[in-house]
Amino acid sequence: MMDTHQPDIATAFPPPKAAAMLYPGNVMHARLNPFGHRFNYKVFTLLIDLDRLAEAARSARFFSVNRRNLVAFHEADHLPKDDSSQNKSLAAYARGLVMAAGAPAPHRVLLMAYPRLMGFVFNPLSVYFCYDKADALTCAIYEVSNTFGERHTYVCPVEPGQLNAAGLRQERTKIFYVSPFIDMGTRYHFRILPPGDDVRLRIFETEAGKPLLSATFSGSARPMNSAVLAALVARLPFMTLKVMAGIHWEALKLWIKGAKFHSRGKPPIATSFDDVAAGPAK
C-alpha cells in the first residue's frame, strides 16, 4: 500500500476520541468581487463518529440519533435519496465513497455537520473526516447542499503535500450550483484545520485566478453532554432556521447591489471523485 502522507505530519492532527463533540463558533462569508459584501453569525456544529452512533445518542439527555428530540442527528439527512441507500448505514456509505475514490477503507469516519434542532436542519456544507488506524487523515469528503434540495459530494483523498503543519489544503473545481450569483467553473480552495481542540474550515473561491469569495467556520471543542448542549440551544434556539433565512436575506442584498444572476441548469452527477480542472486521476 502506497503511503500518501508526509511521515512527520501524518498523525499531527489526531481526531477526538469521544463518540460525539460539539463545536460552537462563528461563520463568516465575504464576497470579494466585483464588490465587497460580508456577514457573520454564531452557530454550533456536531462532530459524530459514524461507527458509534448508539454511544453518541447516550451522551446527552436532549440528543438522539435517528429519532426525534430537541437536538437530533439523522443518517437519512446525509444518505442519497434513492434506492441505493436503503438499509445502508451512513458509515458504510462514506466508506464506499472513499474506496470508490481509490483510497483504502478508513478505520474511523467522523462527520461534522449541523444537527437537527427542533426537527429542522439545513447543511450548506458537511465534512467527513476519514482516518486510518494510526489516526492519520486519509480522506476528506465535502458534502455541499443548496436551497433547492440538491446535493453534491466531492470525495478528496489526501494526496502527498496536501497535509502540512497548517492543516489540510485541497482544491476542486465547482461543478454544482449553490449561489445564483456565482457561475460554474470557479475554483474551491479548501483550507482545513482538522477537528481537535479547535476546528477551522475555510473555502476560498477564485474565478480565473482572482479572489471571489471566502467562507469560514472557526470553533472550539466542547464535550457533548446535557449541560453544554442545553446552554448552546438556549443561546441559539433558532440556529438552523437562521442559517436558511440568512442565505435568502443575503442573496436579496446581493441582488440589490447588482450581482449578476446565473441560472440553475441541470445538476451534475451526485458524486465526483476527480478534480475536473486537474483531469481524471491516473
Protein backbone atom coordinates (compact mmCIF):
# COMPACT_ATOMS: atom_id res chain seq x y z
CA MET A 1 0.00 0.00 0.00
CA MET A 2 1.45 3.37 -1.02
CA ASP A 3 1.97 5.89 1.79
CA THR A 4 0.30 9.15 0.71
CA HIS A 5 1.34 11.17 3.77
CA GLN A 6 4.39 13.03 4.86
CA PRO A 7 5.77 10.86 7.67
CA ASP A 8 6.38 13.80 10.03
CA ILE A 9 2.90 15.30 9.72
CA ALA A 10 0.55 12.39 9.00
CA THR A 11 -0.56 11.97 12.61
CA ALA A 12 -0.20 15.62 13.69
CA PHE A 13 -3.98 16.14 13.79
CA PRO A 14 -5.44 13.22 15.78
CA PRO A 15 -9.24 13.26 15.99
CA PRO A 16 -11.15 13.48 19.30
CA LYS A 17 -11.61 10.10 20.95
CA ALA A 18 -15.22 10.76 22.04
CA ALA A 19 -18.17 9.44 20.06
CA ALA A 20 -19.54 12.98 19.71
CA MET A 21 -18.30 16.52 20.30
CA LEU A 22 -19.79 19.99 19.98
CA TYR A 23 -18.05 22.94 18.33
CA PRO A 24 -19.64 26.34 18.98
CA GLY A 25 -18.13 29.06 16.86
CA ASN A 26 -18.59 31.66 14.14
CA VAL A 27 -19.43 31.51 10.44
CA MET A 28 -18.23 34.29 8.14
CA HIS A 29 -18.94 34.89 4.45
CA ALA A 30 -17.19 37.63 2.48
CA ARG A 31 -17.90 38.40 -1.17
CA LEU A 32 -14.69 39.93 -2.56
CA ASN A 33 -15.56 40.68 -6.20
CA PRO A 34 -16.97 42.55 -8.08
CA PHE A 35 -17.90 44.35 -4.84
CA GLY A 36 -17.50 43.74 -1.12
CA HIS A 37 -20.23 42.09 0.93
CA ARG A 38 -19.73 40.45 4.32
CA PHE A 39 -21.82 38.83 7.06
CA ASN A 40 -21.24 36.55 10.05
CA TYR A 41 -23.25 34.68 12.67
CA LYS A 42 -22.81 32.33 15.61
CA VAL A 43 -23.53 28.60 15.28
CA PHE A 44 -22.65 25.28 16.84
CA THR A 45 -21.88 22.15 14.91
CA LEU A 46 -21.72 18.47 15.76
CA LEU A 47 -18.80 16.09 15.21
CA ILE A 48 -20.01 12.49 15.38
CA ASP A 49 -18.30 9.13 14.96
CA LEU A 50 -20.43 7.25 12.43
CA ASP A 51 -19.48 3.87 13.88
CA ARG A 52 -20.53 4.84 17.42
CA LEU A 53 -23.96 6.36 16.91
CA ALA A 54 -25.57 4.44 19.79
CA GLU A 55 -22.86 5.66 22.15
CA ALA A 56 -23.27 9.22 20.89
CA ALA A 57 -27.03 9.04 21.47
CA ARG A 58 -26.42 8.34 25.18
CA SER A 59 -24.16 11.35 25.66
CA ALA A 60 -26.87 13.98 26.31
CA ARG A 61 -30.45 13.87 27.50
CA PHE A 62 -31.71 16.24 24.81
CA PHE A 63 -29.91 14.49 21.94
CA SER A 64 -31.00 11.46 19.91
CA VAL A 65 -29.84 9.59 16.82
CA ASN A 66 -32.35 8.65 14.13
CA ARG A 67 -35.31 9.68 16.23
CA ARG A 68 -36.92 12.90 17.42
CA ASN A 69 -35.53 15.04 20.19
CA LEU A 70 -34.76 18.68 20.84
CA VAL A 71 -31.44 18.07 19.06
CA ALA A 72 -31.02 15.07 16.79
CA PHE A 73 -28.79 13.52 14.18
CA HIS A 74 -30.42 11.51 11.37
CA GLU A 75 -28.38 9.41 8.97
CA ALA A 76 -31.10 9.95 6.35
CA ASP A 77 -30.21 13.65 6.21
CA HIS A 78 -26.93 12.68 4.54
CA LEU A 79 -27.67 9.44 2.70
CA PRO A 80 -28.64 9.62 -1.01
CA LYS A 81 -32.36 9.95 -1.57
CA ASP A 82 -32.61 6.88 -3.80
CA ASP A 83 -32.80 3.12 -3.55
CA SER A 84 -29.03 2.77 -3.28
CA SER A 85 -29.11 3.91 0.35
CA GLN A 86 -31.81 1.56 1.59
CA ASN A 87 -30.65 -0.49 4.58
CA LYS A 88 -27.21 1.14 4.41
CA SER A 89 -25.61 2.89 7.33
CA LEU A 90 -24.01 6.29 6.81
CA ALA A 91 -20.67 4.81 7.90
CA ALA A 92 -20.89 2.17 5.16
CA TYR A 93 -21.94 4.79 2.62
CA ALA A 94 -18.95 7.01 3.46
CA ARG A 95 -16.50 4.10 3.33
CA GLY A 96 -17.91 3.17 -0.07
CA LEU A 97 -17.17 6.66 -1.36
CA VAL A 98 -13.61 6.55 -0.07
CA MET A 99 -12.92 3.18 -1.65
CA ALA A 100 -14.57 4.27 -4.92
CA ALA A 101 -12.04 7.11 -4.99
CA GLY A 102 -9.22 4.56 -4.86
CA ALA A 103 -8.27 5.07 -1.20
CA PRO A 104 -8.26 2.33 1.46
CA ALA A 105 -11.29 1.94 3.69
CA PRO A 106 -10.90 4.24 6.70
CA HIS A 107 -10.72 2.96 10.25
CA ARG A 108 -12.77 5.90 11.63
CA VAL A 109 -15.21 8.21 9.88
CA LEU A 110 -16.22 11.41 11.68
CA LEU A 111 -18.87 13.72 10.25
CA MET A 112 -19.01 17.42 11.04
CA ALA A 113 -22.46 18.84 10.37
CA TYR A 114 -25.28 20.83 11.89
CA PRO A 115 -27.69 18.60 13.83
CA ARG A 116 -31.45 18.86 13.60
CA LEU A 117 -32.70 21.49 16.00
CA MET A 118 -36.40 21.17 16.88
CA GLY A 119 -36.80 18.92 13.84
CA PHE A 120 -35.21 21.21 11.24
CA VAL A 121 -31.78 21.21 9.64
CA PHE A 122 -30.02 22.66 6.63
CA ASN A 123 -26.34 21.94 5.98
CA PRO A 124 -24.71 24.12 3.31
CA LEU A 125 -21.53 22.12 3.94
CA SER A 126 -20.93 18.88 5.82
CA VAL A 127 -17.43 17.40 6.02
CA TYR A 128 -16.47 13.76 6.59
CA PHE A 129 -13.02 13.25 8.09
CA CYS A 130 -11.62 9.76 7.42
CA TYR A 131 -8.72 8.30 9.42
CA ASP A 132 -6.59 5.17 9.35
CA LYS A 133 -5.69 3.06 12.41
CA ALA A 134 -2.81 5.42 13.26
CA ASP A 135 -5.21 8.41 13.35
CA ALA A 136 -3.75 9.80 10.13
CA LEU A 137 -6.22 11.74 7.97
CA THR A 138 -6.58 9.83 4.71
CA CYS A 139 -9.59 11.41 3.00
CA ALA A 140 -11.98 14.36 3.28
CA ILE A 141 -15.48 14.30 1.82
CA TYR A 142 -17.15 17.65 1.19
CA GLU A 143 -20.93 17.37 1.03
CA VAL A 144 -22.44 20.57 -0.42
CA SER A 145 -26.18 21.32 -0.40
CA ASN A 146 -28.18 24.12 -2.00
CA THR A 147 -31.55 25.58 -1.08
CA PHE A 148 -33.26 23.69 -3.92
CA GLY A 149 -32.93 20.38 -2.08
CA GLU A 150 -29.99 19.23 -4.21
CA ARG A 151 -26.65 17.93 -3.02
CA HIS A 152 -23.24 17.17 -4.45
CA THR A 153 -20.37 15.32 -2.81
CA TYR A 154 -16.70 15.98 -3.58
CA VAL A 155 -14.56 12.99 -2.47
CA CYS A 156 -10.95 14.05 -1.90
CA PRO A 157 -8.33 11.52 -0.79
CA VAL A 158 -5.39 13.20 0.95
CA GLU A 159 -2.58 13.37 -1.59
CA PRO A 160 1.15 13.94 -0.92
CA GLY A 161 1.84 17.52 0.08
CA GLN A 162 -1.77 18.40 0.94
CA LEU A 163 -1.27 17.95 4.69
CA ASN A 164 1.23 20.23 6.40
CA ALA A 165 1.78 21.97 9.73
CA ALA A 166 -1.06 24.42 8.98
CA GLY A 167 -3.58 21.67 8.21
CA LEU A 168 -5.16 20.24 5.07
CA ARG A 169 -5.03 22.04 1.71
CA GLN A 170 -7.18 20.69 -1.14
CA GLU A 171 -8.78 22.08 -4.28
CA ARG A 172 -11.71 21.27 -6.52
CA THR A 173 -13.44 22.97 -9.43
CA LYS A 174 -17.02 23.95 -8.63
CA ILE A 175 -19.45 21.84 -10.70
CA PHE A 176 -22.56 22.16 -8.51
CA TYR A 177 -24.96 25.11 -8.40
CA VAL A 178 -25.01 26.77 -4.98
CA SER A 179 -25.46 30.53 -5.32
CA PRO A 180 -27.37 32.21 -8.18
CA PHE A 181 -24.65 34.88 -8.17
CA ILE A 182 -21.63 32.62 -8.75
CA ASP A 183 -21.13 30.74 -12.01
CA MET A 184 -19.87 27.20 -12.54
CA GLY A 185 -16.18 26.59 -13.06
CA THR A 186 -14.87 28.67 -10.17
CA ARG A 187 -12.17 27.11 -8.03
CA TYR A 188 -12.67 25.92 -4.45
CA HIS A 189 -9.58 26.12 -2.23
CA PHE A 190 -10.31 24.12 0.93
CA ARG A 191 -8.20 25.16 3.93
CA ILE A 192 -8.92 22.91 6.90
CA LEU A 193 -7.62 22.61 10.44
CA PRO A 194 -8.97 19.11 11.21
CA PRO A 195 -11.11 18.80 14.34
CA GLY A 196 -9.30 18.51 17.64
CA ASP A 197 -9.32 21.10 20.40
CA ASP A 198 -10.27 23.55 17.64
CA VAL A 199 -11.51 23.30 14.09
CA ARG A 200 -11.28 25.70 11.17
CA LEU A 201 -12.95 25.29 7.80
CA ARG A 202 -12.28 27.79 5.06
CA ILE A 203 -13.41 27.77 1.45
CA PHE A 204 -11.58 30.38 -0.58
CA GLU A 205 -13.22 30.64 -4.00
CA THR A 206 -11.47 32.09 -7.05
CA GLU A 207 -12.60 32.89 -10.57
CA ALA A 208 -9.99 32.95 -13.35
CA GLY A 209 -7.38 33.09 -10.60
CA LYS A 210 -8.89 36.16 -8.90
CA PRO A 211 -10.37 36.17 -5.36
CA LEU A 212 -14.15 35.88 -5.40
CA LEU A 213 -15.45 34.69 -2.02
CA SER A 214 -14.22 33.49 1.37
CA ALA A 215 -16.38 31.40 3.71
CA THR A 216 -15.11 30.26 7.08
CA PHE A 217 -16.12 28.44 10.24
CA SER A 218 -13.99 28.57 13.40
CA GLY A 219 -14.97 26.65 16.51
CA SER A 220 -13.60 25.26 19.76
CA ALA A 221 -14.40 21.81 21.13
CA ARG A 222 -16.86 21.30 23.95
CA PRO A 223 -17.94 17.94 25.37
CA MET A 224 -21.27 16.54 24.25
CA ASN A 225 -23.31 16.41 27.44
CA SER A 226 -26.69 17.65 28.63
CA ALA A 227 -25.41 20.82 30.30
CA VAL A 228 -23.33 22.02 27.35
CA LEU A 229 -26.00 21.14 24.80
CA ALA A 230 -28.79 22.83 26.77
CA ALA A 231 -26.70 26.01 27.10
CA LEU A 232 -25.99 26.12 23.37
CA VAL A 233 -29.64 25.57 22.44
CA ALA A 234 -30.73 28.27 24.89
CA ARG A 235 -28.27 30.68 23.29
CA LEU A 236 -29.05 29.69 19.67
CA PRO A 237 -32.61 28.26 19.69
CA PHE A 238 -33.35 29.11 16.04
CA MET A 239 -29.89 28.44 14.63
CA THR A 240 -30.86 26.23 11.70
CA LEU A 241 -33.78 28.45 10.71
CA LYS A 242 -31.43 31.42 10.87
CA VAL A 243 -28.97 29.70 8.52
CA MET A 244 -31.66 29.20 5.87
CA ALA A 245 -33.23 32.64 6.34
CA GLY A 246 -29.81 34.27 6.29
CA ILE A 247 -28.92 32.69 2.95
CA HIS A 248 -32.02 34.16 1.30
CA TRP A 249 -31.65 37.54 3.00
CA GLU A 250 -28.03 37.92 1.94
CA ALA A 251 -28.94 36.79 -1.60
CA LEU A 252 -31.55 39.56 -1.75
CA LYS A 253 -28.96 42.13 -0.69
CA LEU A 254 -26.54 40.87 -3.35
CA TRP A 255 -29.27 41.16 -5.99
CA ILE A 256 -29.98 44.74 -4.88
CA LYS A 257 -26.27 45.53 -5.20
CA GLY A 258 -26.39 44.32 -8.79
CA ALA A 259 -24.80 40.89 -8.63
CA LYS A 260 -25.07 39.01 -11.92
CA PHE A 261 -27.66 36.22 -11.87
CA HIS A 262 -26.77 32.74 -13.17
CA SER A 263 -29.47 30.19 -13.99
CA ARG A 264 -29.51 26.89 -12.19
CA GLY A 265 -29.39 24.47 -15.12
CA LYS A 266 -29.25 20.70 -14.81
CA PRO A 267 -27.50 19.37 -11.67
CA PRO A 268 -24.38 17.21 -12.17
CA ILE A 269 -23.99 13.63 -11.01
CA ALA A 270 -24.36 13.29 -7.25
CA THR A 271 -20.70 12.49 -6.51
CA SER A 272 -17.38 13.47 -8.06
CA PHE A 273 -14.13 11.63 -7.38
CA ASP A 274 -11.79 13.52 -9.72
CA ASP A 275 -10.89 17.16 -9.99
CA VAL A 276 -12.31 18.50 -13.24
CA ALA A 277 -9.54 21.09 -13.61
CA ALA A 278 -6.80 18.55 -12.97
CA GLY A 279 -8.26 15.94 -15.29
CA PRO A 280 -9.04 12.29 -14.49
CA ALA A 281 -6.98 10.52 -11.87
CA LYS A 282 -4.13 8.49 -13.32
